[in-house]
C-alpha atoms as a PDB file:
ATOM      1  CA  MET A   1      81.722 110.272 105.900  1.00  0.00           C
ATOM      2  CA  ASN A   2      84.085 112.739 104.289  1.00  0.00           C
ATOM      3  CA  PRO A   3      86.683 114.291 106.555  1.00  0.00           C
ATOM      4  CA  VAL A   4      85.645 117.643 107.938  1.00  0.00           C
ATOM      5  CA  VAL A   5      88.494 120.132 107.842  1.00  0.00           C
ATOM      6  CA  SER A   6      88.507 122.508 110.781  1.00  0.00           C
ATOM      7  CA  GLY A   7      91.566 124.713 110.940  1.00  0.00           C
ATOM      8  CA  LYS A   8      94.649 122.548 110.526  1.00  0.00           C
ATOM      9  CA  THR A   9      93.163 119.342 111.933  1.00  0.00           C
ATOM     10  CA  ARG A  10      91.012 116.777 110.205  1.00  0.00           C
ATOM     11  CA  GLU A  11      88.176 115.111 112.042  1.00  0.00           C
ATOM     12  CA  ARG A  12      86.112 112.140 110.938  1.00  0.00           C
ATOM     13  CA  LYS A  13      82.501 112.095 111.930  1.00  0.00           C
ATOM     14  CA  GLY A  14      80.406 108.954 111.590  1.00  0.00           C
ATOM     15  CA  SER A  15      83.286 106.794 110.371  1.00  0.00           C
ATOM     16  CA  ASP A  16      82.590 103.119 109.744  1.00  0.00           C
ATOM     17  CA  MET A  17      86.249 102.176 109.975  1.00  0.00           C
ATOM     18  CA  ALA A  18      87.423  99.502 112.410  1.00  0.00           C
ATOM     19  CA  GLU A  19      89.510 100.457 115.416  1.00  0.00           C
ATOM     20  CA  HIS A  20      93.249  99.985 114.942  1.00  0.00           C
ATOM     21  CA  LYS A  21      94.914  97.703 117.456  1.00  0.00           C
ATOM     22  CA  HIS A  22      98.710  97.748 117.381  1.00  0.00           C
ATOM     23  CA  GLY A  23     100.380  94.387 116.760  1.00  0.00           C
ATOM     24  CA  GLU A  24      97.329  92.397 115.643  1.00  0.00           C
ATOM     25  CA  MET A  25      97.837  92.536 111.871  1.00  0.00           C
ATOM     26  CA  ASP A  26      99.159  89.456 110.066  1.00  0.00           C
ATOM     27  CA  ILE A  27     102.267  90.672 108.260  1.00  0.00           C
ATOM     28  CA  SER A  28     103.640  87.332 107.047  1.00  0.00           C
ATOM     29  CA  ALA A  29     102.926  88.200 103.381  1.00  0.00           C
ATOM     30  CA  HIS A  30     104.646  91.569 103.809  1.00  0.00           C
ATOM     31  CA  GLU A  31     107.703  89.952 105.387  1.00  0.00           C
ATOM     32  CA  GLU A  32     107.893  87.341 102.629  1.00  0.00           C
ATOM     33  CA  THR A  33     107.716  90.052  99.960  1.00  0.00           C
ATOM     34  CA  PHE A  34     110.377  92.130 101.718  1.00  0.00           C
ATOM     35  CA  HIS A  35     112.755  89.167 102.014  1.00  0.00           C
ATOM     36  CA  GLY A  36     112.195  88.370  98.327  1.00  0.00           C
ATOM     37  CA  PHE A  37     112.978  91.983  97.409  1.00  0.00           C
ATOM     38  CA  VAL A  38     116.168  91.978  99.488  1.00  0.00           C
ATOM     39  CA  ARG A  39     117.241  88.654  97.941  1.00  0.00           C
ATOM     40  CA  PHE A  40     116.587  89.982  94.413  1.00  0.00           C
ATOM     41  CA  MET A  41     118.481  93.229  95.027  1.00  0.00           C
ATOM     42  CA  THR A  42     121.438  91.379  96.557  1.00  0.00           C
ATOM     43  CA  ARG A  43     121.699  89.131  93.514  1.00  0.00           C
ATOM     44  CA  ALA A  44     121.288  92.075  91.139  1.00  0.00           C
ATOM     45  CA  VAL A  45     124.145  93.975  92.826  1.00  0.00           C
ATOM     46  CA  ILE A  46     126.385  90.886  92.642  1.00  0.00           C
ATOM     47  CA  VAL A  47     125.654  90.512  88.916  1.00  0.00           C
ATOM     48  CA  ILE A  48     126.336  94.208  88.299  1.00  0.00           C
ATOM     49  CA  PHE A  49     129.667  93.997  90.149  1.00  0.00           C
ATOM     50  CA  ALA A  50     130.602  90.885  88.172  1.00  0.00           C
ATOM     51  CA  ILE A  51     129.848  92.685  84.906  1.00  0.00           C
ATOM     52  CA  LEU A  52     131.909  95.697  85.989  1.00  0.00           C
ATOM     53  CA  ILE A  53     134.855  93.493  86.958  1.00  0.00           C
ATOM     54  CA  PHE A  54     134.588  91.610  83.647  1.00  0.00           C
ATOM     55  CA  MET A  55     134.561  94.905  81.743  1.00  0.00           C
ATOM     56  CA  ALA A  56     137.533  96.236  83.722  1.00  0.00           C
ATOM     57  CA  ILE A  57     139.584  93.130  83.020  1.00  0.00           C
ATOM     58  CA  PHE A  58     138.727  92.364  79.388  1.00  0.00           C
ATOM     59  CA  THR A  59     138.038  95.717  77.768  1.00  0.00           C
ATOM     60  CA  SER A  60     140.810  98.056  76.942  1.00  0.00           C
END
């Protein structure tokens, strides 16, 4: 079941993989993770800006 390389294309012979059907995968866990990542990064950027503003005001 290893890919057979012929020229520049790869062909699979005797593959036991399932057929891919577009739009049938449950991506709710992926979306939840992505939204958590965006939320974390937004908060991190706000904290970094707050630290920079604090440093600009109080350090001389």
